[in-house]
């Protein structure tokens, strides 16, 4: 599989935004969804969040022209939210350059 530089930059940017979003939130835990249903080709959980689409108000990343709110991360992190926040702060301090920080976050996630 060949990954273009543009796709890699987009992936790294999304990872960076995810970590920054997690660092800006104070979510400590969440209860995972147990009920899924199909609506117009999308799989929705019991909170009405699409598990098959990232964009839109009900997408799992809630990507829109005006924002990014990775709601699926709040459910996934649970009691690890404080650790994710701490790691985000460490990356931001150690790598002030956004490009380098994104690359280091990618390596960190890839290698673990």
PDB file of N, CA and C in Angstrom:
ATOM      1  N   UNK A   1       0.845  -1.173   0.000  1.00  0.00           N
ATOM      2  CA  UNK A   1       0.000   0.000   0.000  1.00  0.00           C
ATOM      3  C   UNK A   1       0.892   1.238   0.000  1.00  0.00           C
ATOM      4  N   UNK A   2       0.650   2.113  -0.926  1.00  0.00           N
ATOM      5  CA  UNK A   2       1.460   3.323  -1.055  1.00  0.00           C
ATOM      6  C   UNK A   2       0.687   4.510  -0.496  1.00  0.00           C
ATOM      7  N   UNK A   3       1.297   5.193   0.438  1.00  0.00           N
ATOM      8  CA  UNK A   3       0.680   6.356   1.062  1.00  0.00           C
ATOM      9  C   UNK A   3       1.348   7.606   0.521  1.00  0.00           C
ATOM     10  N   UNK A   4       0.558   8.512  -0.015  1.00  0.00           N
ATOM     11  CA  UNK A   4       1.131   9.742  -0.535  1.00  0.00           C
ATOM     12  C   UNK A   4       1.446  10.689   0.612  1.00  0.00           C
ATOM     13  N   UNK A   5       2.330  11.635   0.334  1.00  0.00           N
ATOM     14  CA  UNK A   5       2.719  12.608   1.347  1.00  0.00           C
ATOM     15  C   UNK A   5       1.509  13.428   1.786  1.00  0.00           C
ATOM     16  N   UNK A   6       0.619  13.748   0.854  1.00  0.00           N
ATOM     17  CA  UNK A   6      -0.571  14.533   1.190  1.00  0.00           C
ATOM     18  C   UNK A   6      -1.458  13.758   2.166  1.00  0.00           C
ATOM     19  N   UNK A   7      -1.662  12.460   1.919  1.00  0.00           N
ATOM     20  CA  UNK A   7      -2.475  11.649   2.824  1.00  0.00           C
ATOM     21  C   UNK A   7      -1.818  11.547   4.196  1.00  0.00           C
ATOM     22  N   UNK A   8      -0.504  11.418   4.221  1.00  0.00           N
ATOM     23  CA  UNK A   8       0.217  11.339   5.486  1.00  0.00           C
ATOM     24  C   UNK A   8       0.063  12.644   6.261  1.00  0.00           C
ATOM     25  N   UNK A   9       0.151  13.778   5.573  1.00  0.00           N
ATOM     26  CA  UNK A   9      -0.021  15.068   6.236  1.00  0.00           C
ATOM     27  C   UNK A   9      -1.433  15.205   6.795  1.00  0.00           C
ATOM     28  N   UNK A  10      -2.429  14.750   6.051  1.00  0.00           N
ATOM     29  CA  UNK A  10      -3.809  14.810   6.534  1.00  0.00           C
ATOM     30  C   UNK A  10      -3.967  13.932   7.768  1.00  0.00           C
ATOM     31  N   UNK A  11      -3.417  12.728   7.728  1.00  0.00           N
ATOM     32  CA  UNK A  11      -3.490  11.823   8.876  1.00  0.00           C
ATOM     33  C   UNK A  11      -2.805  12.436  10.089  1.00  0.00           C
ATOM     34  N   UNK A  12      -1.621  12.968   9.891  1.00  0.00           N
ATOM     35  CA  UNK A  12      -0.892  13.586  10.996  1.00  0.00           C
ATOM     36  C   UNK A  12      -1.644  14.794  11.546  1.00  0.00           C
ATOM     37  N   UNK A  13      -2.256  15.561  10.659  1.00  0.00           N
ATOM     38  CA  UNK A  13      -3.035  16.715  11.111  1.00  0.00           C
ATOM     39  C   UNK A  13      -4.224  16.278  11.946  1.00  0.00           C
ATOM     40  N   UNK A  14      -4.897  15.210  11.520  1.00  0.00           N
ATOM     41  CA  UNK A  14      -6.037  14.695  12.287  1.00  0.00           C
ATOM     42  C   UNK A  14      -5.596  14.190  13.656  1.00  0.00           C
ATOM     43  N   UNK A  15      -4.462  13.513  13.706  1.00  0.00           N
ATOM     44  CA  UNK A  15      -3.938  13.038  14.990  1.00  0.00           C
ATOM     45  C   UNK A  15      -3.623  14.222  15.882  1.00  0.00           C
ATOM     46  N   UNK A  16      -2.991  15.238  15.325  1.00  0.00           N
ATOM     47  CA  UNK A  16      -2.651  16.432  16.095  1.00  0.00           C
ATOM     48  C   UNK A  16      -3.913  17.111  16.624  1.00  0.00           C
ATOM     49  N   UNK A  17      -4.904  17.253  15.774  1.00  0.00           N
ATOM     50  CA  UNK A  17      -6.153  17.887  16.196  1.00  0.00           C
ATOM     51  C   UNK A  17      -6.840  17.042  17.263  1.00  0.00           C
ATOM     52  N   UNK A  18      -6.795  15.730  17.119  1.00  0.00           N
ATOM     53  CA  UNK A  18      -7.390  14.844  18.115  1.00  0.00           C
ATOM     54  C   UNK A  18      -6.721  15.018  19.468  1.00  0.00           C
ATOM     55  N   UNK A  19      -5.406  15.025  19.488  1.00  0.00           N
ATOM     56  CA  UNK A  19      -4.680  15.194  20.748  1.00  0.00           C
ATOM     57  C   UNK A  19      -4.962  16.577  21.332  1.00  0.00           C
ATOM     58  N   UNK A  20      -4.973  17.600  20.477  1.00  0.00           N
ATOM     59  CA  UNK A  20      -5.264  18.950  20.973  1.00  0.00           C
ATOM     60  C   UNK A  20      -6.685  19.026  21.523  1.00  0.00           C
ATOM     61  N   UNK A  21      -7.624  18.383  20.837  1.00  0.00           N
ATOM     62  CA  UNK A  21      -9.004  18.368  21.324  1.00  0.00           C
ATOM     63  C   UNK A  21      -9.127  17.656  22.643  1.00  0.00           C
ATOM     64  N   UNK A  22      -8.406  16.576  22.787  1.00  0.00           N
ATOM     65  CA  UNK A  22      -8.430  15.846  24.048  1.00  0.00           C
ATOM     66  C   UNK A  22      -7.793  16.657  25.162  1.00  0.00           C
ATOM     67  N   UNK A  23      -6.748  17.386  24.827  1.00  0.00           N
ATOM     68  CA  UNK A  23      -6.077  18.204  25.838  1.00  0.00           C
ATOM     69  C   UNK A  23      -6.971  19.345  26.302  1.00  0.00           C
ATOM     70  N   UNK A  24      -7.884  19.793  25.438  1.00  0.00           N
ATOM     71  CA  UNK A  24      -8.752  20.916  25.792  1.00  0.00           C
ATOM     72  C   UNK A  24     -10.024  20.475  26.503  1.00  0.00           C
ATOM     73  N   UNK A  25     -10.247  19.194  26.622  1.00  0.00           N
ATOM     74  CA  UNK A  25     -11.462  18.704  27.269  1.00  0.00           C
ATOM     75  C   UNK A  25     -11.166  18.201  28.661  1.00  0.00           C
ATOM     76  N   UNK A  26     -12.217  17.997  29.402  1.00  0.00           N
ATOM     77  CA  UNK A  26     -12.062  17.511  30.771  1.00  0.00           C
ATOM     78  C   UNK A  26     -12.965  16.292  30.976  1.00  0.00           C
ATOM     79  N   UNK A  27     -13.086  15.456  29.970  1.00  0.00           N
ATOM     80  CA  UNK A  27     -13.910  14.267  30.072  1.00  0.00           C
ATOM     81  C   UNK A  27     -13.122  13.194  30.802  1.00  0.00           C
ATOM     82  N   UNK A  28     -13.720  12.585  31.804  1.00  0.00           N
ATOM     83  CA  UNK A  28     -13.009  11.595  32.597  1.00  0.00           C
ATOM     84  C   UNK A  28     -13.432  10.172  32.250  1.00  0.00           C
ATOM     85  N   UNK A  29     -14.681   9.972  31.917  1.00  0.00           N
ATOM     86  CA  UNK A  29     -15.123   8.620  31.593  1.00  0.00           C
ATOM     87  C   UNK A  29     -16.425   8.679  30.809  1.00  0.00           C
ATOM     88  N   UNK A  30     -16.756   7.575  30.215  1.00  0.00           N
ATOM     89  CA  UNK A  30     -18.005   7.471  29.474  1.00  0.00           C
ATOM     90  C   UNK A  30     -18.432   6.022  29.445  1.00  0.00           C
ATOM     91  N   UNK A  31     -19.677   5.807  29.140  1.00  0.00           N
ATOM     92  CA  UNK A  31     -20.217   4.461  29.044  1.00  0.00           C
ATOM     93  C   UNK A  31     -20.325   4.100  27.576  1.00  0.00           C
ATOM     94  N   UNK A  32     -19.784   2.959  27.170  1.00  0.00           N
ATOM     95  CA  UNK A  32     -19.852   2.595  25.759  1.00  0.00           C
ATOM     96  C   UNK A  32     -21.278   2.315  25.304  1.00  0.00           C
ATOM     97  N   UNK A  33     -21.512   2.556  24.047  1.00  0.00           N
ATOM     98  CA  UNK A  33     -22.817   2.296  23.463  1.00  0.00           C
ATOM     99  C   UNK A  33     -23.054   0.794  23.359  1.00  0.00           C
ATOM    100  N   UNK A  34     -24.286   0.395  23.586  1.00  0.00           N
ATOM    101  CA  UNK A  34     -24.631  -1.028  23.513  1.00  0.00           C
ATOM    102  C   UNK A  34     -25.665  -1.305  22.437  1.00  0.00           C
ATOM    103  N   UNK A  35     -26.300  -0.267  21.920  1.00  0.00           N
ATOM    104  CA  UNK A  35     -27.387  -0.449  20.961  1.00  0.00           C
ATOM    105  C   UNK A  35     -27.028   0.253  19.654  1.00  0.00           C
ATOM    106  N   UNK A  36     -26.985  -0.490  18.575  1.00  0.00           N
ATOM    107  CA  UNK A  36     -26.664   0.065  17.264  1.00  0.00           C
ATOM    108  C   UNK A  36     -27.823  -0.186  16.321  1.00  0.00           C
ATOM    109  N   UNK A  37     -28.053   0.754  15.411  1.00  0.00           N
ATOM    110  CA  UNK A  37     -29.121   0.601  14.419  1.00  0.00           C
ATOM    111  C   UNK A  37     -28.668   1.230  13.104  1.00  0.00           C
ATOM    112  N   UNK A  38     -29.262   0.776  12.028  1.00  0.00           N
ATOM    113  CA  UNK A  38     -28.931   1.323  10.713  1.00  0.00           C
ATOM    114  C   UNK A  38     -29.987   2.334  10.302  1.00  0.00           C
ATOM    115  N   UNK A  39     -29.526   3.519   9.892  1.00  0.00           N
ATOM    116  CA  UNK A  39     -30.409   4.580   9.432  1.00  0.00           C
ATOM    117  C   UNK A  39     -29.800   5.160   8.165  1.00  0.00           C
ATOM    118  N   UNK A  40     -30.510   5.025   7.052  1.00  0.00           N
ATOM    119  CA  UNK A  40     -30.048   5.558   5.765  1.00  0.00           C
ATOM    120  C   UNK A  40     -28.626   5.127   5.416  1.00  0.00           C
ATOM    121  N   UNK A  41     -28.274   3.886   5.706  1.00  0.00           N
ATOM    122  CA  UNK A  41     -26.969   3.352   5.372  1.00  0.00           C
ATOM    123  C   UNK A  41     -25.891   3.604   6.409  1.00  0.00           C
ATOM    124  N   UNK A  42     -26.173   4.396   7.432  1.00  0.00           N
ATOM    125  CA  UNK A  42     -25.217   4.653   8.511  1.00  0.00           C
ATOM    126  C   UNK A  42     -25.557   3.777   9.709  1.00  0.00           C
ATOM    127  N   UNK A  43     -24.542   3.384  10.453  1.00  0.00           N
ATOM    128  CA  UNK A  43     -24.737   2.665  11.709  1.00  0.00           C
ATOM    129  C   UNK A  43     -24.656   3.705  12.820  1.00  0.00           C
ATOM    130  N   UNK A  44     -25.748   3.868  13.578  1.00  0.00           N
ATOM    131  CA  UNK A  44     -25.805   4.832  14.671  1.00  0.00           C
ATOM    132  C   UNK A  44     -25.825   4.106  16.012  1.00  0.00           C
ATOM    133  N   UNK A  45     -25.203   4.718  17.023  1.00  0.00           N
ATOM    134  CA  UNK A  45     -25.228   4.140  18.370  1.00  0.00           C
ATOM    135  C   UNK A  45     -26.430   4.698  19.139  1.00  0.00           C
ATOM    136  N   UNK A  46     -26.539   4.369  20.432  1.00  0.00           N
ATOM    137  CA  UNK A  46     -27.710   4.823  21.179  1.00  0.00           C
ATOM    138  C   UNK A  46     -27.732   6.322  21.461  1.00  0.00           C
ATOM    139  N   UNK A  47     -26.655   7.036  21.198  1.00  0.00           N
ATOM    140  CA  UNK A  47     -26.649   8.492  21.345  1.00  0.00           C
ATOM    141  C   UNK A  47     -26.879   9.199  20.018  1.00  0.00           C
ATOM    142  N   UNK A  48     -27.104   8.436  18.954  1.00  0.00           N
ATOM    143  CA  UNK A  48     -27.321   9.034  17.647  1.00  0.00           C
ATOM    144  C   UNK A  48     -26.048   9.448  16.940  1.00  0.00           C
ATOM    145  N   UNK A  49     -24.912   8.879  17.346  1.00  0.00           N
ATOM    146  CA  UNK A  49     -23.636   9.176  16.698  1.00  0.00           C
ATOM    147  C   UNK A  49     -23.360   8.105  15.644  1.00  0.00           C
ATOM    148  N   UNK A  50     -23.018   8.553  14.440  1.00  0.00           N
ATOM    149  CA  UNK A  50     -22.703   7.626  13.359  1.00  0.00           C
ATOM    150  C   UNK A  50     -21.356   6.968  13.619  1.00  0.00           C
ATOM    151  N   UNK A  51     -21.325   5.654  13.531  1.00  0.00           N
ATOM    152  CA  UNK A  51     -20.066   4.915  13.672  1.00  0.00           C
ATOM    153  C   UNK A  51     -19.421   4.655  12.316  1.00  0.00           C
ATOM    154  N   UNK A  52     -20.094   5.049  11.244  1.00  0.00           N
ATOM    155  CA  UNK A  52     -19.585   4.795   9.901  1.00  0.00           C
ATOM    156  C   UNK A  52     -19.255   6.072   9.140  1.00  0.00           C
ATOM    157  N   UNK A  53     -19.443   7.228   9.762  1.00  0.00           N
ATOM    158  CA  UNK A  53     -19.203   8.505   9.086  1.00  0.00           C
ATOM    159  C   UNK A  53     -18.602   9.489  10.080  1.00  0.00           C
ATOM    160  N   UNK A  54     -17.524  10.177   9.678  1.00  0.00           N
ATOM    161  CA  UNK A  54     -16.843  11.130  10.553  1.00  0.00           C
ATOM    162  C   UNK A  54     -17.431  12.532  10.483  1.00  0.00           C
ATOM    163  N   UNK A  55     -17.967  12.910   9.340  1.00  0.00           N
ATOM    164  CA  UNK A  55     -18.419  14.294   9.141  1.00  0.00           C
ATOM    165  C   UNK A  55     -19.868  14.493   9.553  1.00  0.00           C
ATOM    166  N   UNK A  56     -20.209  15.751   9.776  1.00  0.00           N
ATOM    167  CA  UNK A  56     -21.576  16.117  10.126  1.00  0.00           C
ATOM    168  C   UNK A  56     -21.802  16.177  11.623  1.00  0.00           C
ATOM    169  N   UNK A  57     -22.946  16.726  12.007  1.00  0.00           N
ATOM    170  CA  UNK A  57     -23.266  16.886  13.424  1.00  0.00           C
ATOM    171  C   UNK A  57     -23.352  15.564  14.169  1.00  0.00           C
ATOM    172  N   UNK A  58     -23.700  14.494  13.451  1.00  0.00           N
ATOM    173  CA  UNK A  58     -23.796  13.186  14.112  1.00  0.00           C
ATOM    174  C   UNK A  58     -22.648  12.250  13.722  1.00  0.00           C
ATOM    175  N   UNK A  59     -21.622  12.766  13.066  1.00  0.00           N
ATOM    176  CA  UNK A  59     -20.456  11.962  12.710  1.00  0.00           C
ATOM    177  C   UNK A  59     -19.565  11.721  13.924  1.00  0.00           C
ATOM    178  N   UNK A  60     -18.784  10.645  13.897  1.00  0.00           N
ATOM    179  CA  UNK A  60     -17.983  10.301  15.077  1.00  0.00           C
ATOM    180  C   UNK A  60     -16.864  11.297  15.361  1.00  0.00           C
ATOM    181  N   UNK A  61     -16.487  12.145  14.392  1.00  0.00           N
ATOM    182  CA  UNK A  61     -15.547  13.238  14.653  1.00  0.00           C
ATOM    183  C   UNK A  61     -16.243  14.597  14.612  1.00  0.00           C
ATOM    184  N   UNK A  62     -17.491  14.625  14.223  1.00  0.00           N
ATOM    185  CA  UNK A  62     -18.268  15.858  14.087  1.00  0.00           C
ATOM    186  C   UNK A  62     -17.472  16.923  13.347  1.00  0.00           C
ATOM    187  N   UNK A  63     -16.911  16.518  12.207  1.00  0.00           N
ATOM    188  CA  UNK A  63     -16.163  17.449  11.361  1.00  0.00           C
ATOM    189  C   UNK A  63     -17.154  18.297  10.584  1.00  0.00           C
ATOM    190  N   UNK A  64     -16.974  19.604  10.638  1.00  0.00           N
ATOM    191  CA  UNK A  64     -17.818  20.522   9.875  1.00  0.00           C
ATOM    192  C   UNK A  64     -16.933  21.658   9.376  1.00  0.00           C
ATOM    193  N   UNK A  65     -17.532  22.597   8.669  1.00  0.00           N
ATOM    194  CA  UNK A  65     -16.766  23.748   8.185  1.00  0.00           C
ATOM    195  C   UNK A  65     -16.290  24.622   9.329  1.00  0.00           C
ATOM    196  N   UNK A  66     -16.946  24.538  10.481  1.00  0.00           N
ATOM    197  CA  UNK A  66     -16.609  25.432  11.591  1.00  0.00           C
ATOM    198  C   UNK A  66     -15.955  24.730  12.770  1.00  0.00           C
ATOM    199  N   UNK A  67     -15.832  23.393  12.739  1.00  0.00           N
ATOM    200  CA  UNK A  67     -15.256  22.764  13.912  1.00  0.00           C
ATOM    201  C   UNK A  67     -14.915  21.292  13.768  1.00  0.00           C
ATOM    202  N   UNK A  68     -14.372  20.792  14.848  1.00  0.00           N
ATOM    203  CA  UNK A  68     -13.942  19.395  14.967  1.00  0.00           C
ATOM    204  C   UNK A  68     -14.116  19.009  16.423  1.00  0.00           C
ATOM    205  N   UNK A  69     -14.957  18.015  16.695  1.00  0.00           N
ATOM    206  CA  UNK A  69     -15.195  17.575  18.067  1.00  0.00           C
ATOM    207  C   UNK A  69     -15.246  16.046  18.049  1.00  0.00           C
ATOM    208  N   UNK A  70     -14.137  15.395  18.357  1.00  0.00           N
ATOM    209  CA  UNK A  70     -14.057  13.930  18.231  1.00  0.00           C
ATOM    210  C   UNK A  70     -14.813  13.200  19.341  1.00  0.00           C
ATOM    211  N   UNK A  71     -16.149  13.170  19.233  1.00  0.00           N
ATOM    212  CA  UNK A  71     -16.969  12.586  20.294  1.00  0.00           C
ATOM    213  C   UNK A  71     -16.632  11.123  20.573  1.00  0.00           C
ATOM    214  N   UNK A  72     -16.191  10.393  19.585  1.00  0.00           N
ATOM    215  CA  UNK A  72     -15.865   8.982  19.799  1.00  0.00           C
ATOM    216  C   UNK A  72     -14.670   8.836  20.738  1.00  0.00           C
ATOM    217  N   UNK A  73     -13.801   9.826  20.771  1.00  0.00           N
ATOM    218  CA  UNK A  73     -12.637   9.765  21.667  1.00  0.00           C
ATOM    219  C   UNK A  73     -13.059   9.829  23.124  1.00  0.00           C
ATOM    220  N   UNK A  74     -14.108  10.598  23.424  1.00  0.00           N
ATOM    221  CA  UNK A  74     -14.562  10.718  24.805  1.00  0.00           C
ATOM    222  C   UNK A  74     -15.016   9.361  25.331  1.00  0.00           C
ATOM    223  N   UNK A  75     -15.686   8.598  24.487  1.00  0.00           N
ATOM    224  CA  UNK A  75     -16.137   7.260  24.868  1.00  0.00           C
ATOM    225  C   UNK A  75     -14.959   6.303  24.975  1.00  0.00           C
ATOM    226  N   UNK A  76     -14.017   6.422  24.069  1.00  0.00           N
ATOM    227  CA  UNK A  76     -12.901   5.488  24.000  1.00  0.00           C
ATOM    228  C   UNK A  76     -11.896   5.669  25.132  1.00  0.00           C
ATOM    229  N   UNK A  77     -11.679   6.892  25.578  1.00  0.00           N
ATOM    230  CA  UNK A  77     -10.644   7.150  26.570  1.00  0.00           C
ATOM    231  C   UNK A  77     -11.017   6.698  27.970  1.00  0.00           C
ATOM    232  N   UNK A  78     -12.251   6.935  28.373  1.00  0.00           N
ATOM    233  CA  UNK A  78     -12.665   6.557  29.717  1.00  0.00           C
ATOM    234  C   UNK A  78     -11.724   7.094  30.765  1.00  0.00           C
ATOM    235  N   UNK A  79     -11.240   6.231  31.637  1.00  0.00           N
ATOM    236  CA  UNK A  79     -10.374   6.675  32.728  1.00  0.00           C
ATOM    237  C   UNK A  79      -8.969   7.031  32.274  1.00  0.00           C
ATOM    238  N   UNK A  80      -8.650   6.867  30.997  1.00  0.00           N
ATOM    239  CA  UNK A  80      -7.335   7.232  30.470  1.00  0.00           C
ATOM    240  C   UNK A  80      -7.294   8.677  29.973  1.00  0.00           C
ATOM    241  N   UNK A  81      -8.366   9.438  30.154  1.00  0.00           N
ATOM    242  CA  UNK A  81      -8.421  10.816  29.660  1.00  0.00           C
ATOM    243  C   UNK A  81      -7.312  11.666  30.261  1.00  0.00           C
ATOM    244  N   UNK A  82      -7.046  11.521  31.542  1.00  0.00           N
ATOM    245  CA  UNK A  82      -5.997  12.327  32.174  1.00  0.00           C
ATOM    246  C   UNK A  82      -4.625  11.997  31.592  1.00  0.00           C
ATOM    247  N   UNK A  83      -4.375  10.729  31.310  1.00  0.00           N
ATOM    248  CA  UNK A  83      -3.111  10.332  30.695  1.00  0.00           C
ATOM    249  C   UNK A  83      -2.984  10.949  29.302  1.00  0.00           C
ATOM    250  N   UNK A  84      -4.056  10.890  28.507  1.00  0.00           N
ATOM    251  CA  UNK A  84      -4.028  11.465  27.160  1.00  0.00           C
ATOM    252  C   UNK A  84      -3.768  12.974  27.227  1.00  0.00           C
ATOM    253  N   UNK A  85      -4.404  13.646  28.173  1.00  0.00           N
ATOM    254  CA  UNK A  85      -4.205  15.081  28.347  1.00  0.00           C
ATOM    255  C   UNK A  85      -2.738  15.375  28.686  1.00  0.00           C
ATOM    256  N   UNK A  86      -2.188  14.611  29.605  1.00  0.00           N
ATOM    257  CA  UNK A  86      -0.800  14.791  30.014  1.00  0.00           C
ATOM    258  C   UNK A  86       0.161  14.557  28.854  1.00  0.00           C
ATOM    259  N   UNK A  87      -0.078  13.498  28.086  1.00  0.00           N
ATOM    260  CA  UNK A  87       0.770  13.224  26.926  1.00  0.00           C
ATOM    261  C   UNK A  87       0.679  14.353  25.902  1.00  0.00           C
ATOM    262  N   UNK A  88      -0.530  14.865  25.688  1.00  0.00           N
ATOM    263  CA  UNK A  88      -0.708  15.976  24.757  1.00  0.00           C
ATOM    264  C   UNK A  88       0.097  17.195  25.174  1.00  0.00           C
ATOM    265  N   UNK A  89       0.072  17.500  26.477  1.00  0.00           N
ATOM    266  CA  UNK A  89       0.850  18.622  26.976  1.00  0.00           C
ATOM    267  C   UNK A  89       2.350  18.385  26.784  1.00  0.00           C
ATOM    268  N   UNK A  90       2.809  17.154  27.043  1.00  0.00           N
ATOM    269  CA  UNK A  90       4.231  16.836  26.883  1.00  0.00           C
ATOM    270  C   UNK A  90       4.673  16.992  25.430  1.00  0.00           C
ATOM    271  N   UNK A  91       3.848  16.505  24.498  1.00  0.00           N
ATOM    272  CA  UNK A  91       4.177  16.650  23.079  1.00  0.00           C
ATOM    273  C   UNK A  91       4.222  18.125  22.682  1.00  0.00           C
ATOM    274  N   UNK A  92       3.255  18.899  23.140  1.00  0.00           N
ATOM    275  CA  UNK A  92       3.201  20.321  22.789  1.00  0.00           C
ATOM    276  C   UNK A  92       4.428  21.063  23.320  1.00  0.00           C
ATOM    277  N   UNK A  93       4.873  20.703  24.509  1.00  0.00           N
ATOM    278  CA  UNK A  93       6.037  21.367  25.106  1.00  0.00           C
ATOM    279  C   UNK A  93       7.337  20.950  24.416  1.00  0.00           C
ATOM    280  N   UNK A  94       7.457  19.656  24.153  1.00  0.00           N
ATOM    281  CA  UNK A  94       8.702  19.137  23.580  1.00  0.00           C
ATOM    282  C   UNK A  94       8.846  19.459  22.095  1.00  0.00           C
ATOM    283  N   UNK A  95       7.722  19.533  21.375  1.00  0.00           N
ATOM    284  CA  UNK A  95       7.752  19.764  19.929  1.00  0.00           C
ATOM    285  C   UNK A  95       6.871  20.961  19.576  1.00  0.00           C
ATOM    286  N   UNK A  96       7.380  22.183  19.705  1.00  0.00           N
ATOM    287  CA  UNK A  96       6.560  23.368  19.412  1.00  0.00           C
ATOM    288  C   UNK A  96       6.192  23.503  17.926  1.00  0.00           C
ATOM    289  N   UNK A  97       6.993  22.916  17.049  1.00  0.00           N
ATOM    290  CA  UNK A  97       6.685  22.952  15.620  1.00  0.00           C
ATOM    291  C   UNK A  97       5.560  21.954  15.326  1.00  0.00           C
ATOM    292  N   UNK A  98       4.458  22.428  14.753  1.00  0.00           N
ATOM    293  CA  UNK A  98       3.280  21.577  14.521  1.00  0.00           C
ATOM    294  C   UNK A  98       3.593  20.354  13.668  1.00  0.00           C
ATOM    295  N   UNK A  99       4.359  20.543  12.609  1.00  0.00           N
ATOM    296  CA  UNK A  99       4.699  19.430  11.713  1.00  0.00           C
ATOM    297  C   UNK A  99       5.491  18.360  12.459  1.00  0.00           C
ATOM    298  N   UNK A 100       6.506  18.789  13.167  1.00  0.00           N
ATOM    299  CA  UNK A 100       7.333  17.838  13.914  1.00  0.00           C
ATOM    300  C   UNK A 100       6.504  17.151  15.007  1.00  0.00           C
ATOM    301  N   UNK A 101       5.649  17.923  15.694  1.00  0.00           N
ATOM    302  CA  UNK A 101       4.806  17.350  16.745  1.00  0.00           C
ATOM    303  C   UNK A 101       3.880  16.282  16.164  1.00  0.00           C
ATOM    304  N   UNK A 102       3.277  16.566  15.026  1.00  0.00           N
ATOM    305  CA  UNK A 102       2.382  15.596  14.385  1.00  0.00           C
ATOM    306  C   UNK A 102       3.138  14.324  14.015  1.00  0.00           C
ATOM    307  N   UNK A 103       4.352  14.479  13.489  1.00  0.00           N
ATOM    308  CA  UNK A 103       5.162  13.310  13.130  1.00  0.00           C
ATOM    309  C   UNK A 103       5.517  12.481  14.366  1.00  0.00           C
ATOM    310  N   UNK A 104       5.861  13.146  15.455  1.00  0.00           N
ATOM    311  CA  UNK A 104       6.222  12.430  16.687  1.00  0.00           C
ATOM    312  C   UNK A 104       5.004  11.735  17.308  1.00  0.00           C
ATOM    313  N   UNK A 105       3.846  12.375  17.248  1.00  0.00           N
ATOM    314  CA  UNK A 105       2.625  11.738  17.751  1.00  0.00           C
ATOM    315  C   UNK A 105       2.306  10.509  16.914  1.00  0.00           C
ATOM    316  N   UNK A 106       2.459  10.638  15.595  1.00  0.00           N
ATOM    317  CA  UNK A 106       2.229   9.494  14.718  1.00  0.00           C
ATOM    318  C   UNK A 106       3.152   8.340  15.091  1.00  0.00           C
ATOM    319  N   UNK A 107       4.433   8.624  15.263  1.00  0.00           N
ATOM    320  CA  UNK A 107       5.392   7.572  15.639  1.00  0.00           C
ATOM    321  C   UNK A 107       5.041   6.957  16.993  1.00  0.00           C
ATOM    322  N   UNK A 108       4.663   7.788  17.942  1.00  0.00           N
ATOM    323  CA  UNK A 108       4.294   7.316  19.272  1.00  0.00           C
ATOM    324  C   UNK A 108       3.124   6.330  19.201  1.00  0.00           C
ATOM    325  N   UNK A 109       2.089   6.716  18.469  1.00  0.00           N
ATOM    326  CA  UNK A 109       0.910   5.862  18.337  1.00  0.00           C
ATOM    327  C   UNK A 109       1.243   4.595  17.538  1.00  0.00           C
ATOM    328  N   UNK A 110       1.978   4.763  16.455  1.00  0.00           N
ATOM    329  CA  UNK A 110       2.359   3.622  15.620  1.00  0.00           C
ATOM    330  C   UNK A 110       3.160   2.578  16.386  1.00  0.00           C
ATOM    331  N   UNK A 111       4.097   3.042  17.201  1.00  0.00           N
ATOM    332  CA  UNK A 111       4.998   2.139  17.891  1.00  0.00           C
ATOM    333  C   UNK A 111       4.408   1.525  19.173  1.00  0.00           C
ATOM    334  N   UNK A 112       3.261   1.994  19.583  1.00  0.00           N
ATOM    335  CA  UNK A 112       2.652   1.467  20.799  1.00  0.00           C
ATOM    336  C   UNK A 112       1.338   0.803  20.485  1.00  0.00           C
TER     337      UNK A 112
END
